[in-house]
Amino acid sequence: MPRIKDIGRNEAGEIESIKLDDGRTLSWPEAIAEAEKGIIKGVFVGTDSKGQKYLRPRRDDDYDDNLDALSLI
């Protein structure tokens, strides 16, 4: 099961793509869909008060796999 390795952000700082450690790069909607299916290891999908879906790392007390700690692609 692949993990998120890097993230791509737009000019506003919003995540628009992710790179997995298996070499694939996914758009944000593709990443959400794969995470909902349990294909991406270490994350789950949440929904904010406006109905927007987002990825959250599963708690394991490892800061290095937090989405904000990943390098940019």
Protein backbone atom coordinates (compact mmCIF):
# COMPACT_ATOMS: atom_id res chain seq x y z
CA MET A 1 0.00 0.00 0.00
CA PRO A 2 1.58 3.32 -1.04
CA ARG A 3 2.15 6.28 1.27
CA ILE A 4 2.17 9.99 0.45
CA LYS A 5 5.74 11.13 -0.20
CA ASP A 6 5.42 14.71 -1.52
CA ILE A 7 2.70 17.30 -2.09
CA GLY A 8 2.07 19.94 -4.76
CA ARG A 9 0.53 23.26 -3.77
CA ASN A 10 -1.01 26.05 -5.85
CA GLU A 11 -0.23 29.77 -5.42
CA ALA A 12 -2.76 30.01 -2.57
CA GLY A 13 -0.95 27.24 -0.69
CA GLU A 14 -3.71 24.68 -1.19
CA ILE A 15 -2.71 21.10 -1.93
CA GLU A 16 -3.53 20.26 -5.54
CA SER A 17 -1.57 17.05 -6.10
CA ILE A 18 0.28 14.37 -4.19
CA LYS A 19 3.13 12.04 -5.06
CA LEU A 20 3.10 8.54 -3.66
CA ASP A 21 6.14 6.51 -2.72
CA ASP A 22 5.28 4.10 -5.56
CA GLY A 23 6.10 6.91 -8.02
CA ARG A 24 2.55 7.86 -9.02
CA THR A 25 1.38 11.49 -8.90
CA LEU A 26 -2.33 11.98 -8.22
CA SER A 27 -4.56 15.01 -8.54
CA TRP A 28 -6.35 16.06 -5.37
CA PRO A 29 -9.66 14.41 -6.41
CA GLU A 30 -7.81 11.19 -7.33
CA ALA A 31 -6.02 11.21 -3.96
CA ILE A 32 -9.32 11.67 -2.09
CA ALA A 33 -10.91 8.81 -4.06
CA GLU A 34 -8.00 6.44 -3.41
CA ALA A 35 -7.86 7.35 0.28
CA GLU A 36 -11.61 6.69 0.61
CA LYS A 37 -11.03 3.22 -0.84
CA GLY A 38 -8.20 2.61 1.65
CA ILE A 39 -5.56 2.45 -1.10
CA ILE A 40 -3.27 5.12 0.42
CA LYS A 41 -1.64 4.09 3.69
CA GLY A 42 -1.55 6.40 6.71
CA VAL A 43 -4.38 8.83 5.84
CA PHE A 44 -8.14 9.09 6.15
CA VAL A 45 -10.67 11.41 4.52
CA GLY A 46 -12.49 13.99 6.59
CA THR A 47 -15.22 16.45 5.64
CA ASP A 48 -15.28 20.05 6.85
CA SER A 49 -18.35 22.09 7.78
CA LYS A 50 -18.70 23.28 4.16
CA GLY A 51 -18.73 19.72 2.83
CA GLN A 52 -15.17 19.90 1.43
CA LYS A 53 -13.21 16.66 1.72
CA TYR A 54 -9.64 16.67 2.99
CA LEU A 55 -6.91 14.20 3.89
CA ARG A 56 -5.69 13.76 7.44
CA PRO A 57 -2.76 11.64 8.56
CA ARG A 58 -3.62 8.82 10.92
CA ARG A 59 -2.26 9.56 14.38
CA ASP A 60 0.97 7.75 15.03
CA ASP A 61 2.95 10.51 16.76
CA ASP A 62 5.34 10.70 13.79
CA TYR A 63 5.59 14.34 12.65
CA ASP A 64 7.52 13.33 9.52
CA ASP A 65 4.41 11.89 7.84
CA ASN A 66 2.24 14.94 8.56
CA LEU A 67 1.17 16.52 5.23
CA ASP A 68 2.68 19.86 6.27
CA ALA A 69 6.06 18.19 6.85
CA LEU A 70 6.33 16.69 3.36
CA SER A 71 8.44 18.18 0.60
CA LEU A 72 6.87 20.00 -2.33
CA ILE A 73 6.76 18.51 -5.83
